[in-house]
């Protein structure tokens, strides 16, 4: 085999091959056989990116279902010993024809304050950033948009939330 520095460099693609030694079982002959791996299979080993993104469209019917208390799941529960840590949440209310009449703004788990009712009850398109911090995060719990006893009986505008978040795992 030639010295590695004598080979030309290239930009790898998912289907390209790499050579490596696969760790064998005790008693295997050879002990650690040379195998080929695709670049994509090696990349897939790091399956959880540090920061993840989800964009969630919430319909007016879902927002009206918050009347009197309720919640809408934004991100599913991550699993045992893990919490969802929101990094940034930006909202867009795409005003249709009828304003909402929220008596108090809904909250997102882990946010420090309710989302201002002025954003939800606006009579035009609204973009807003949700203040994060100060809230409690629950292990293996979904991230929700929720209300407790607020009143909302009208409105027809969809809400889009763009959420950047991390999944944090703690040792048990």
N, C-alpha and C. Protein backbone atom coordinates (compact mmCIF):
# COMPACT_ATOMS: atom_id res chain seq x y z
N UNK A 1 0.85 -1.17 0.00
CA UNK A 1 0.00 0.00 0.00
C UNK A 1 0.90 1.24 0.00
N UNK A 2 0.52 2.24 -0.77
CA UNK A 2 1.29 3.47 -0.87
C UNK A 2 1.13 4.30 0.41
N UNK A 3 2.05 5.22 0.60
CA UNK A 3 1.95 6.13 1.73
C UNK A 3 0.71 7.01 1.53
N UNK A 4 -0.03 7.23 2.60
CA UNK A 4 -1.32 7.92 2.51
C UNK A 4 -1.19 9.32 1.93
N UNK A 5 -0.08 10.00 2.16
CA UNK A 5 0.09 11.36 1.64
C UNK A 5 0.24 11.37 0.12
N UNK A 6 0.46 10.22 -0.50
CA UNK A 6 0.60 10.17 -1.96
C UNK A 6 -0.75 10.13 -2.68
N UNK A 7 -1.84 9.89 -1.95
CA UNK A 7 -3.16 9.84 -2.58
C UNK A 7 -3.72 11.25 -2.73
N UNK A 8 -4.50 11.50 -3.82
CA UNK A 8 -5.11 12.82 -3.97
C UNK A 8 -6.24 13.02 -2.96
N UNK A 9 -6.51 14.27 -2.61
CA UNK A 9 -7.62 14.56 -1.71
C UNK A 9 -8.91 14.65 -2.52
N UNK A 10 -10.04 14.45 -1.84
CA UNK A 10 -11.35 14.50 -2.49
C UNK A 10 -12.39 14.97 -1.48
N UNK A 11 -13.55 15.35 -1.97
CA UNK A 11 -14.69 15.71 -1.11
C UNK A 11 -15.59 14.49 -1.00
N UNK A 12 -15.74 13.92 0.20
CA UNK A 12 -16.52 12.69 0.34
C UNK A 12 -18.01 12.88 0.14
N UNK A 13 -18.67 11.82 -0.32
CA UNK A 13 -20.13 11.76 -0.48
C UNK A 13 -20.63 10.63 0.40
N UNK A 14 -21.91 10.62 0.73
CA UNK A 14 -22.48 9.61 1.62
C UNK A 14 -22.19 8.18 1.16
N UNK A 15 -22.19 7.92 -0.13
CA UNK A 15 -22.00 6.56 -0.64
C UNK A 15 -20.55 6.14 -0.79
N UNK A 16 -19.60 7.06 -0.60
CA UNK A 16 -18.19 6.71 -0.70
C UNK A 16 -17.79 5.77 0.43
N UNK A 17 -16.72 5.02 0.19
CA UNK A 17 -16.27 4.03 1.17
C UNK A 17 -15.05 4.50 1.94
N UNK A 18 -14.98 4.07 3.19
CA UNK A 18 -13.82 4.24 4.06
C UNK A 18 -13.37 2.85 4.50
N UNK A 19 -12.09 2.67 4.73
CA UNK A 19 -11.60 1.41 5.28
C UNK A 19 -11.42 1.56 6.77
N UNK A 20 -11.74 0.48 7.49
CA UNK A 20 -11.58 0.51 8.93
C UNK A 20 -11.56 -0.89 9.49
N UNK A 21 -11.21 -1.00 10.74
CA UNK A 21 -11.20 -2.29 11.42
C UNK A 21 -12.46 -2.40 12.27
N UNK A 22 -13.19 -3.48 12.06
CA UNK A 22 -14.39 -3.73 12.86
C UNK A 22 -13.98 -4.60 14.06
N UNK A 23 -14.34 -4.15 15.25
CA UNK A 23 -13.96 -4.87 16.46
C UNK A 23 -14.71 -6.20 16.47
N UNK A 24 -13.94 -7.27 16.55
CA UNK A 24 -14.53 -8.61 16.54
C UNK A 24 -14.85 -9.11 17.94
N UNK A 25 -15.37 -10.33 17.98
CA UNK A 25 -15.68 -11.01 19.24
C UNK A 25 -14.46 -11.81 19.69
N UNK A 26 -14.34 -12.07 20.99
CA UNK A 26 -13.21 -12.90 21.45
C UNK A 26 -13.19 -14.25 20.71
N UNK A 27 -12.03 -14.62 20.22
CA UNK A 27 -11.88 -15.89 19.50
C UNK A 27 -12.02 -15.77 18.00
N UNK A 28 -12.46 -14.58 17.49
CA UNK A 28 -12.58 -14.40 16.04
C UNK A 28 -11.20 -14.46 15.39
N UNK A 29 -11.17 -14.99 14.17
CA UNK A 29 -9.92 -15.03 13.42
C UNK A 29 -10.20 -14.49 12.03
N UNK A 30 -9.74 -13.35 11.65
CA UNK A 30 -8.87 -12.44 12.39
C UNK A 30 -9.66 -11.72 13.50
N UNK A 31 -8.94 -11.20 14.48
CA UNK A 31 -9.56 -10.59 15.66
C UNK A 31 -10.34 -9.33 15.31
N UNK A 32 -9.77 -8.46 14.50
CA UNK A 32 -10.42 -7.21 14.11
C UNK A 32 -10.31 -7.08 12.59
N UNK A 33 -11.25 -7.69 11.85
CA UNK A 33 -11.14 -7.72 10.40
C UNK A 33 -11.28 -6.34 9.76
N UNK A 34 -10.55 -6.13 8.67
CA UNK A 34 -10.67 -4.90 7.89
C UNK A 34 -11.98 -4.96 7.12
N UNK A 35 -12.73 -3.87 7.19
CA UNK A 35 -14.04 -3.79 6.51
C UNK A 35 -14.14 -2.45 5.80
N UNK A 36 -15.11 -2.36 4.90
CA UNK A 36 -15.39 -1.08 4.27
C UNK A 36 -16.69 -0.53 4.87
N UNK A 37 -16.71 0.78 5.10
CA UNK A 37 -17.86 1.48 5.65
C UNK A 37 -18.19 2.65 4.72
N UNK A 38 -19.46 2.98 4.58
CA UNK A 38 -19.80 4.17 3.80
C UNK A 38 -19.64 5.40 4.69
N UNK A 39 -19.35 6.52 4.06
CA UNK A 39 -19.25 7.79 4.79
C UNK A 39 -20.58 8.06 5.50
N UNK A 40 -21.69 7.79 4.82
CA UNK A 40 -23.02 8.02 5.40
C UNK A 40 -23.25 7.20 6.66
N UNK A 41 -22.78 5.93 6.67
CA UNK A 41 -22.99 5.10 7.86
C UNK A 41 -22.16 5.60 9.04
N UNK A 42 -20.99 6.15 8.76
CA UNK A 42 -20.17 6.70 9.84
C UNK A 42 -20.83 7.98 10.37
N UNK A 43 -21.33 8.83 9.47
CA UNK A 43 -21.99 10.05 9.91
C UNK A 43 -23.25 9.76 10.73
N UNK A 44 -23.95 8.68 10.38
CA UNK A 44 -25.18 8.34 11.09
C UNK A 44 -24.94 7.94 12.54
N UNK A 45 -23.71 7.63 12.90
CA UNK A 45 -23.42 7.29 14.29
C UNK A 45 -23.65 8.47 15.22
N UNK A 46 -23.46 9.67 14.75
CA UNK A 46 -23.74 10.88 15.53
C UNK A 46 -25.13 11.37 15.16
N UNK A 47 -26.17 10.63 15.54
CA UNK A 47 -27.52 10.88 15.05
C UNK A 47 -28.21 12.09 15.66
N UNK A 48 -27.81 12.55 16.84
CA UNK A 48 -28.50 13.66 17.47
C UNK A 48 -27.67 14.93 17.33
N UNK A 49 -28.13 15.87 16.49
CA UNK A 49 -27.39 17.12 16.37
C UNK A 49 -27.48 17.92 17.68
N UNK A 50 -26.51 18.78 17.89
CA UNK A 50 -26.49 19.58 19.11
C UNK A 50 -27.75 20.43 19.24
N UNK A 51 -28.11 21.13 18.18
CA UNK A 51 -29.33 21.95 18.18
C UNK A 51 -30.24 21.44 17.08
N UNK A 52 -31.51 21.27 17.42
CA UNK A 52 -32.49 20.78 16.46
C UNK A 52 -33.52 21.87 16.18
N UNK A 53 -34.26 21.71 15.10
CA UNK A 53 -35.26 22.71 14.69
C UNK A 53 -36.56 22.03 14.32
N UNK A 54 -37.64 22.65 14.73
CA UNK A 54 -38.97 22.21 14.29
C UNK A 54 -39.78 23.47 14.02
N UNK A 55 -40.59 23.39 12.97
CA UNK A 55 -41.53 24.48 12.68
C UNK A 55 -42.91 23.89 12.78
N UNK A 56 -43.73 24.46 13.64
CA UNK A 56 -45.05 23.90 13.93
C UNK A 56 -46.12 24.94 13.58
N UNK A 57 -47.08 24.53 12.73
CA UNK A 57 -48.21 25.38 12.39
C UNK A 57 -49.38 24.96 13.27
N UNK A 58 -49.93 25.92 14.00
CA UNK A 58 -51.05 25.67 14.90
C UNK A 58 -52.28 26.34 14.29
N UNK A 59 -53.29 25.56 14.04
CA UNK A 59 -54.50 26.08 13.39
C UNK A 59 -55.33 26.89 14.37
N UNK A 60 -56.26 27.67 13.83
CA UNK A 60 -57.15 28.45 14.68
C UNK A 60 -58.02 27.52 15.53
N UNK A 61 -58.43 26.38 14.98
CA UNK A 61 -59.22 25.42 15.77
C UNK A 61 -58.43 24.93 16.98
N UNK A 62 -57.14 24.67 16.80
CA UNK A 62 -56.30 24.24 17.92
C UNK A 62 -56.17 25.35 18.96
N UNK A 63 -55.97 26.59 18.51
CA UNK A 63 -55.86 27.70 19.45
C UNK A 63 -57.17 27.90 20.22
N UNK A 64 -58.30 27.77 19.53
CA UNK A 64 -59.59 27.92 20.21
C UNK A 64 -59.83 26.77 21.19
N UNK A 65 -59.18 25.62 20.98
CA UNK A 65 -59.33 24.50 21.91
C UNK A 65 -58.65 24.77 23.25
N UNK A 66 -57.87 25.85 23.33
CA UNK A 66 -57.23 26.22 24.59
C UNK A 66 -58.18 26.93 25.53
N UNK A 67 -59.41 27.22 25.09
CA UNK A 67 -60.40 27.90 25.92
C UNK A 67 -60.63 27.14 27.21
N UNK A 68 -60.45 27.81 28.34
CA UNK A 68 -60.70 27.18 29.63
C UNK A 68 -59.56 26.31 30.12
N UNK A 69 -58.45 26.28 29.44
CA UNK A 69 -57.31 25.45 29.83
C UNK A 69 -57.12 24.34 28.83
N UNK A 70 -55.92 23.97 28.61
CA UNK A 70 -55.60 22.91 27.66
C UNK A 70 -54.18 23.08 27.17
N UNK A 71 -53.75 22.17 26.31
CA UNK A 71 -52.40 22.28 25.77
C UNK A 71 -52.32 21.69 24.38
N UNK A 72 -51.31 22.14 23.65
CA UNK A 72 -51.01 21.65 22.31
C UNK A 72 -49.56 21.20 22.33
N UNK A 73 -49.32 19.95 21.95
CA UNK A 73 -47.95 19.43 21.94
C UNK A 73 -47.16 20.03 20.79
N UNK A 74 -46.00 20.59 21.11
CA UNK A 74 -45.12 21.16 20.10
C UNK A 74 -43.98 20.20 19.73
N UNK A 75 -43.41 19.53 20.74
CA UNK A 75 -42.34 18.55 20.55
C UNK A 75 -42.63 17.39 21.50
N UNK A 76 -42.59 16.18 20.99
CA UNK A 76 -42.88 14.99 21.79
C UNK A 76 -41.84 14.75 22.87
N UNK A 77 -42.21 13.97 23.87
CA UNK A 77 -41.31 13.62 24.97
C UNK A 77 -40.05 12.95 24.43
N UNK A 78 -38.87 13.34 24.93
CA UNK A 78 -37.61 12.84 24.37
C UNK A 78 -37.12 11.49 24.89
N UNK A 79 -37.68 11.00 25.98
CA UNK A 79 -37.24 9.72 26.52
C UNK A 79 -36.71 9.85 27.94
N UNK A 80 -36.53 8.72 28.58
CA UNK A 80 -36.10 8.67 29.97
C UNK A 80 -34.78 9.39 30.18
N UNK A 81 -34.72 10.21 31.24
CA UNK A 81 -33.50 10.92 31.61
C UNK A 81 -33.16 12.10 30.73
N UNK A 82 -34.07 12.50 29.84
CA UNK A 82 -33.80 13.60 28.90
C UNK A 82 -34.83 14.71 29.08
N UNK A 83 -34.38 15.95 28.84
CA UNK A 83 -35.28 17.10 28.85
C UNK A 83 -35.12 17.88 27.55
N UNK A 84 -36.19 18.56 27.16
CA UNK A 84 -36.16 19.45 26.01
C UNK A 84 -35.79 20.84 26.54
N UNK A 85 -34.70 21.41 26.05
CA UNK A 85 -34.26 22.73 26.47
C UNK A 85 -34.42 23.69 25.28
N UNK A 86 -35.48 24.51 25.27
CA UNK A 86 -35.66 25.46 24.17
C UNK A 86 -34.53 26.48 24.14
N UNK A 87 -34.03 26.77 22.95
CA UNK A 87 -32.97 27.75 22.76
C UNK A 87 -33.56 29.06 22.27
N UNK A 88 -34.49 28.96 21.31
CA UNK A 88 -35.10 30.14 20.71
C UNK A 88 -36.46 29.75 20.15
N UNK A 89 -37.45 30.62 20.39
CA UNK A 89 -38.78 30.38 19.83
C UNK A 89 -39.27 31.69 19.21
N UNK A 90 -39.55 31.64 17.92
CA UNK A 90 -40.06 32.80 17.20
C UNK A 90 -41.42 32.43 16.64
N UNK A 91 -42.37 33.35 16.78
CA UNK A 91 -43.72 33.09 16.31
C UNK A 91 -44.15 34.03 15.21
N UNK A 92 -45.09 33.56 14.41
CA UNK A 92 -45.70 34.39 13.37
C UNK A 92 -47.20 34.12 13.39
N UNK A 93 -47.98 35.13 13.70
CA UNK A 93 -49.44 35.05 13.63
C UNK A 93 -49.85 35.60 12.27
N UNK A 94 -50.37 34.73 11.42
CA UNK A 94 -50.77 35.10 10.06
C UNK A 94 -52.24 35.54 10.10
N UNK A 95 -52.46 36.85 10.35
CA UNK A 95 -53.82 37.36 10.57
C UNK A 95 -54.72 37.05 9.38
N UNK A 96 -55.90 36.56 9.70
CA UNK A 96 -56.90 36.22 8.69
C UNK A 96 -57.97 37.31 8.68
N UNK A 97 -59.10 37.09 9.37
CA UNK A 97 -60.17 38.11 9.37
C UNK A 97 -60.70 38.46 10.75
N UNK A 98 -60.62 37.54 11.70
CA UNK A 98 -61.20 37.76 13.02
C UNK A 98 -60.10 37.67 14.09
N UNK A 99 -60.03 38.69 14.94
CA UNK A 99 -59.03 38.68 16.00
C UNK A 99 -59.41 37.68 17.08
N UNK A 100 -58.39 37.15 17.75
CA UNK A 100 -58.64 36.31 18.92
C UNK A 100 -59.01 37.23 20.08
N UNK A 101 -59.60 36.63 21.11
CA UNK A 101 -59.92 37.39 22.32
C UNK A 101 -59.39 36.68 23.56
N UNK A 102 -58.11 36.29 23.51
CA UNK A 102 -57.47 35.65 24.67
C UNK A 102 -57.54 36.61 25.86
N UNK A 103 -57.98 36.11 27.01
CA UNK A 103 -57.99 36.94 28.22
C UNK A 103 -56.59 37.05 28.82
N UNK A 104 -55.75 36.06 28.55
CA UNK A 104 -54.35 36.07 28.98
C UNK A 104 -53.59 35.20 27.99
N UNK A 105 -52.34 35.51 27.76
CA UNK A 105 -51.58 34.77 26.75
C UNK A 105 -51.22 33.37 27.20
N UNK A 106 -51.19 32.43 26.25
CA UNK A 106 -50.72 31.08 26.56
C UNK A 106 -49.23 31.10 26.92
N UNK A 107 -48.75 30.02 27.50
CA UNK A 107 -47.33 29.90 27.83
C UNK A 107 -46.75 28.68 27.11
N UNK A 108 -45.44 28.70 26.94
CA UNK A 108 -44.72 27.54 26.43
C UNK A 108 -43.88 27.03 27.58
N UNK A 109 -43.91 25.72 27.82
CA UNK A 109 -43.13 25.13 28.91
C UNK A 109 -41.71 25.69 28.88
N UNK A 110 -41.22 26.10 30.04
CA UNK A 110 -39.85 26.60 30.14
C UNK A 110 -39.72 28.08 29.85
N UNK A 111 -40.81 28.75 29.42
CA UNK A 111 -40.73 30.19 29.19
C UNK A 111 -41.03 30.90 30.50
N UNK A 112 -40.51 32.09 30.67
CA UNK A 112 -40.66 32.78 31.94
C UNK A 112 -41.97 33.55 32.05
N UNK A 113 -42.58 33.89 30.95
CA UNK A 113 -43.81 34.68 30.97
C UNK A 113 -44.77 34.16 29.92
N UNK A 114 -46.03 34.52 30.10
CA UNK A 114 -47.02 34.21 29.08
C UNK A 114 -46.70 35.03 27.82
N UNK A 115 -47.06 34.48 26.67
CA UNK A 115 -46.91 35.22 25.43
C UNK A 115 -47.92 36.36 25.48
N UNK A 116 -47.49 37.55 25.22
CA UNK A 116 -48.38 38.71 25.37
C UNK A 116 -49.65 38.55 24.55
N UNK A 117 -50.76 38.87 25.17
CA UNK A 117 -52.05 38.77 24.47
C UNK A 117 -52.09 39.70 23.27
N UNK A 118 -51.30 40.79 23.29
CA UNK A 118 -51.32 41.70 22.14
C UNK A 118 -50.87 41.00 20.87
N UNK A 119 -49.99 39.97 20.98
CA UNK A 119 -49.59 39.23 19.79
C UNK A 119 -50.73 38.35 19.29
N UNK A 120 -51.39 37.66 20.21
CA UNK A 120 -52.48 36.78 19.81
C UNK A 120 -53.71 37.55 19.38
N UNK A 121 -54.00 38.65 20.03
CA UNK A 121 -55.22 39.41 19.76
C UNK A 121 -55.00 40.51 18.72
N UNK A 122 -53.94 40.43 17.96
CA UNK A 122 -53.62 41.45 16.96
C UNK A 122 -54.58 41.39 15.77
N UNK A 123 -54.72 42.53 15.12
CA UNK A 123 -55.57 42.61 13.94
C UNK A 123 -54.74 42.77 12.67
N UNK A 124 -53.47 42.33 12.73
CA UNK A 124 -52.59 42.31 11.57
C UNK A 124 -51.55 41.22 11.79
N UNK A 125 -50.79 40.91 10.76
CA UNK A 125 -49.72 39.92 10.90
C UNK A 125 -48.77 40.36 12.01
N UNK A 126 -48.31 39.42 12.83
CA UNK A 126 -47.39 39.74 13.92
C UNK A 126 -46.28 38.71 13.98
N UNK A 127 -45.05 39.18 14.11
CA UNK A 127 -43.89 38.34 14.38
C UNK A 127 -43.46 38.63 15.81
N UNK A 128 -43.09 37.60 16.56
CA UNK A 128 -42.67 37.84 17.93
C UNK A 128 -41.68 36.78 18.39
N UNK A 129 -40.85 37.20 19.34
CA UNK A 129 -39.86 36.32 19.95
C UNK A 129 -40.34 36.01 21.35
N UNK A 130 -40.29 34.76 21.75
CA UNK A 130 -40.79 34.37 23.06
C UNK A 130 -39.64 34.37 24.06
N UNK A 131 -39.85 35.06 25.16
CA UNK A 131 -38.85 35.16 26.23
C UNK A 131 -38.69 33.81 26.91
N UNK A 132 -37.46 33.32 26.98
CA UNK A 132 -37.20 32.02 27.59
C UNK A 132 -36.44 32.16 28.89
N UNK A 133 -36.54 31.15 29.71
CA UNK A 133 -35.80 31.11 30.97
C UNK A 133 -36.71 31.26 32.17
N UNK A 134 -36.27 30.73 33.27
CA UNK A 134 -37.03 30.88 34.50
C UNK A 134 -38.11 29.83 34.70
N UNK A 135 -38.38 29.02 33.69
CA UNK A 135 -39.41 28.00 33.83
C UNK A 135 -38.79 26.66 34.19
N UNK A 136 -39.62 25.77 34.71
CA UNK A 136 -39.15 24.43 35.06
C UNK A 136 -39.28 23.51 33.86
N UNK A 137 -38.31 22.63 33.69
CA UNK A 137 -38.34 21.63 32.63
C UNK A 137 -38.57 20.27 33.28
N UNK A 138 -39.41 19.47 32.70
CA UNK A 138 -39.72 18.15 33.23
C UNK A 138 -38.99 17.08 32.43
N UNK A 139 -38.45 16.09 33.13
CA UNK A 139 -37.77 14.98 32.48
C UNK A 139 -38.79 14.17 31.68
N UNK A 140 -38.41 13.78 30.46
CA UNK A 140 -39.23 12.97 29.57
C UNK A 140 -40.64 13.53 29.38
N UNK A 141 -40.73 14.84 29.20
CA UNK A 141 -42.01 15.49 28.97
C UNK A 141 -41.99 16.25 27.65
N UNK A 142 -43.14 16.29 27.02
CA UNK A 142 -43.30 17.03 25.77
C UNK A 142 -43.19 18.53 26.05
N UNK A 143 -42.85 19.29 25.02
CA UNK A 143 -42.88 20.75 25.08
C UNK A 143 -44.26 21.17 24.58
N UNK A 144 -44.98 21.94 25.40
CA UNK A 144 -46.37 22.28 25.08
C UNK A 144 -46.63 23.77 25.08
N UNK A 145 -47.62 24.17 24.30
CA UNK A 145 -48.23 25.49 24.37
C UNK A 145 -49.49 25.26 25.19
N UNK A 146 -49.65 25.99 26.29
CA UNK A 146 -50.79 25.68 27.17
C UNK A 146 -51.37 26.92 27.81
N UNK A 147 -52.56 26.75 28.36
CA UNK A 147 -53.25 27.80 29.11
C UNK A 147 -53.83 27.17 30.36
N UNK A 148 -54.14 28.01 31.33
CA UNK A 148 -54.88 27.56 32.50
C UNK A 148 -56.00 28.57 32.75
N UNK A 149 -57.19 28.21 32.46
CA UNK A 149 -58.40 28.99 32.73
C UNK A 149 -58.55 30.26 31.91
N UNK A 150 -57.73 30.46 30.88
CA UNK A 150 -57.91 31.64 30.04
C UNK A 150 -59.16 31.45 29.17
N UNK A 151 -59.69 32.57 28.75
CA UNK A 151 -60.85 32.54 27.88
C UNK A 151 -60.42 32.94 26.48
N UNK A 152 -60.86 32.17 25.48
CA UNK A 152 -60.73 32.55 24.08
C UNK A 152 -61.90 31.91 23.35
N UNK A 153 -62.71 32.72 22.69
CA UNK A 153 -63.91 32.20 22.02
C UNK A 153 -63.99 32.56 20.55
N UNK A 154 -63.04 33.35 20.07
CA UNK A 154 -63.07 33.73 18.65
C UNK A 154 -61.67 33.91 18.12
N UNK A 155 -61.55 33.89 16.80
CA UNK A 155 -60.27 34.07 16.12
C UNK A 155 -60.13 33.04 15.02
N UNK A 156 -59.42 33.40 13.95
CA UNK A 156 -59.30 32.47 12.82
C UNK A 156 -57.93 32.51 12.15
N UNK A 157 -56.91 32.93 12.88
CA UNK A 157 -55.57 33.06 12.29
C UNK A 157 -54.66 31.92 12.72
N UNK A 158 -53.94 31.31 11.76
CA UNK A 158 -52.98 30.28 12.15
C UNK A 158 -51.73 30.91 12.77
N UNK A 159 -51.09 30.14 13.64
CA UNK A 159 -49.87 30.55 14.31
C UNK A 159 -48.76 29.60 13.90
N UNK A 160 -47.62 30.12 13.46
CA UNK A 160 -46.46 29.29 13.15
C UNK A 160 -45.39 29.58 14.18
N UNK A 161 -44.86 28.50 14.80
CA UNK A 161 -43.77 28.63 15.76
C UNK A 161 -42.54 27.96 15.19
N UNK A 162 -41.43 28.67 15.20
CA UNK A 162 -40.14 28.13 14.78
C UNK A 162 -39.33 27.95 16.06
N UNK A 163 -39.00 26.68 16.38
CA UNK A 163 -38.38 26.36 17.66
C UNK A 163 -37.01 25.73 17.45
N UNK A 164 -35.98 26.34 18.04
CA UNK A 164 -34.66 25.74 18.13
C UNK A 164 -34.55 25.17 19.53
N UNK A 165 -34.08 23.92 19.64
CA UNK A 165 -34.01 23.30 20.96
C UNK A 165 -32.89 22.27 21.02
N UNK A 166 -32.52 21.92 22.25
CA UNK A 166 -31.56 20.87 22.51
C UNK A 166 -32.23 19.78 23.31
N UNK A 167 -31.80 18.55 23.13
CA UNK A 167 -32.18 17.45 24.01
C UNK A 167 -31.01 17.24 24.95
N UNK A 168 -31.24 17.41 26.24
CA UNK A 168 -30.19 17.26 27.23
C UNK A 168 -30.44 15.98 28.01
N UNK A 169 -29.42 15.14 28.10
CA UNK A 169 -29.53 13.87 28.83
C UNK A 169 -28.69 13.96 30.08
N UNK A 170 -29.30 13.58 31.19
CA UNK A 170 -28.59 13.58 32.47
C UNK A 170 -28.33 12.14 32.90
N UNK A 171 -27.20 11.91 33.53
CA UNK A 171 -26.92 10.54 34.01
C UNK A 171 -27.91 10.18 35.11
N UNK A 172 -28.29 8.92 35.13
CA UNK A 172 -29.24 8.50 36.16
C UNK A 172 -28.56 8.02 37.40
